[in-house]
C-alpha cells in the first residue's frame, strides 16, 4: 500500500469501525480536521464513511486507513510535517481547547 506501509506507522486501533476511529480522534487529539472520502495522505486515498477525522498531535498525524481484506486501522505517522501543513491548509478544523 505504498508510502503508508513504508512509514511503519504505529497502530492505535485495529479491526475498528469508521465511527470508532472518528470518536478516538475527536476524544484524544486536541487538533483534528474533517476530510471527505478520497482525501490523499502519503500518496494513498483515505476511504470511509463521512465524516472522516484526521488528528494532529505535535508532528504526528493520526488517521484511519482501510486495507482491503484486513479492515480499518487507526494509525499514527510520526514526523508528518508536510502532510500536516497540507491538511491545515485544506481541512475543516475541529480544534479543542
Protein backbone atom coordinates (compact mmCIF):
# COMPACT_ATOMS: atom_id res chain seq x y z
CA UNK A 1 0.00 0.00 0.00
CA UNK A 2 2.64 2.48 -0.97
CA UNK A 3 4.02 5.02 1.42
CA UNK A 4 1.82 4.18 4.41
CA UNK A 5 3.42 0.77 4.91
CA UNK A 6 6.90 2.17 4.22
CA UNK A 7 6.44 4.67 7.08
CA UNK A 8 5.92 1.89 9.64
CA UNK A 9 3.06 3.66 11.35
CA UNK A 10 2.01 2.81 14.89
CA UNK A 11 -1.35 1.04 15.02
CA UNK A 12 -3.63 2.71 17.60
CA UNK A 13 -6.78 0.71 16.77
CA UNK A 14 -7.23 -2.38 14.61
CA UNK A 15 -10.37 -4.01 13.24
CA UNK A 16 -12.09 -0.72 14.05
CA UNK A 17 -15.23 0.83 12.64
CA UNK A 18 -15.16 4.23 10.97
CA UNK A 19 -17.18 5.54 13.91
CA UNK A 20 -14.65 4.19 16.45
CA UNK A 21 -11.80 5.87 14.57
CA UNK A 22 -13.70 9.17 14.38
CA UNK A 23 -14.54 9.10 18.11
CA UNK A 24 -10.96 8.24 19.09
CA UNK A 25 -9.58 11.17 17.09
CA UNK A 26 -12.20 13.55 18.45
CA UNK A 27 -11.57 12.49 22.06
CA UNK A 28 -7.77 12.14 22.01
CA UNK A 29 -6.50 14.80 19.60
CA UNK A 30 -6.53 18.46 20.55
CA UNK A 31 -6.45 19.35 16.85
CA UNK A 32 -8.44 17.44 14.25
CA UNK A 33 -9.74 18.03 10.75
CA UNK A 34 -12.73 16.69 8.85
CA UNK A 35 -11.96 15.44 5.35
CA UNK A 36 -14.01 13.84 2.60
CA UNK A 37 -13.55 10.25 1.47
CA UNK A 38 -10.79 10.20 -1.14
CA UNK A 39 -8.58 12.70 0.72
CA UNK A 40 -4.98 11.78 -0.03
CA UNK A 41 -2.31 11.17 2.63
CA UNK A 42 1.15 9.86 1.77
CA UNK A 43 0.09 9.05 -1.81
CA UNK A 44 -2.89 6.90 -0.75
CA UNK A 45 -6.57 7.80 -0.68
CA UNK A 46 -8.47 7.60 2.59
CA UNK A 47 -11.79 5.79 2.31
CA UNK A 48 -14.59 5.61 4.82
CA UNK A 49 -17.97 6.80 5.95
CA UNK A 50 -18.09 10.58 6.46
CA UNK A 51 -17.26 12.46 8.49
CA UNK A 52 -13.65 11.26 8.46
CA UNK A 53 -11.45 12.87 11.11
CA UNK A 54 -7.69 13.19 10.94
CA UNK A 55 -5.89 14.20 14.11
CA UNK A 56 -2.72 16.19 14.70
CA UNK A 57 -0.59 15.81 17.83
CA UNK A 58 2.63 17.81 17.54
CA UNK A 59 4.33 16.44 14.41
CA UNK A 60 2.26 13.23 14.41
CA UNK A 61 -0.67 12.58 12.09
CA UNK A 62 -3.42 10.23 13.29
CA UNK A 63 -5.71 8.88 10.58
CA UNK A 64 -7.93 5.93 9.63
CA UNK A 65 -6.68 3.60 6.96
CA UNK A 66 -8.64 0.76 5.39
CA UNK A 67 -6.68 -2.11 3.93
CA UNK A 68 -8.72 -4.45 1.73
CA UNK A 69 -9.29 -7.86 3.33
CA UNK A 70 -7.78 -6.65 6.62
CA UNK A 71 -10.19 -3.95 7.79
CA UNK A 72 -9.80 -0.45 9.12
CA UNK A 73 -6.95 0.70 11.34
CA UNK A 74 -6.25 3.97 13.11
CA UNK A 75 -2.62 4.85 12.50
CA UNK A 76 -0.09 7.29 13.94
CA UNK A 77 2.53 8.56 11.49
CA UNK A 78 5.41 10.33 13.20
CA UNK A 79 7.23 13.34 11.72
CA UNK A 80 4.49 14.11 9.19
CA UNK A 81 5.10 17.85 8.97
CA UNK A 82 4.47 18.25 5.24
CA UNK A 83 1.19 16.33 5.36
CA UNK A 84 0.08 18.29 8.43
CA UNK A 85 0.74 21.60 6.67
CA UNK A 86 -1.31 20.46 3.67
CA UNK A 87 -4.10 19.24 5.95
CA UNK A 88 -4.23 22.53 7.84
CA UNK A 89 -4.48 24.43 4.57
CA UNK A 90 -7.32 22.33 3.19
CA UNK A 91 -9.33 20.76 6.02
CA UNK A 92 -12.20 21.83 8.24
CA UNK A 93 -10.73 22.42 11.67
CA UNK A 94 -12.20 20.86 14.78
CA UNK A 95 -9.75 22.21 17.35
CA UNK A 96 -10.42 21.67 21.04
CA UNK A 97 -9.14 23.87 23.82
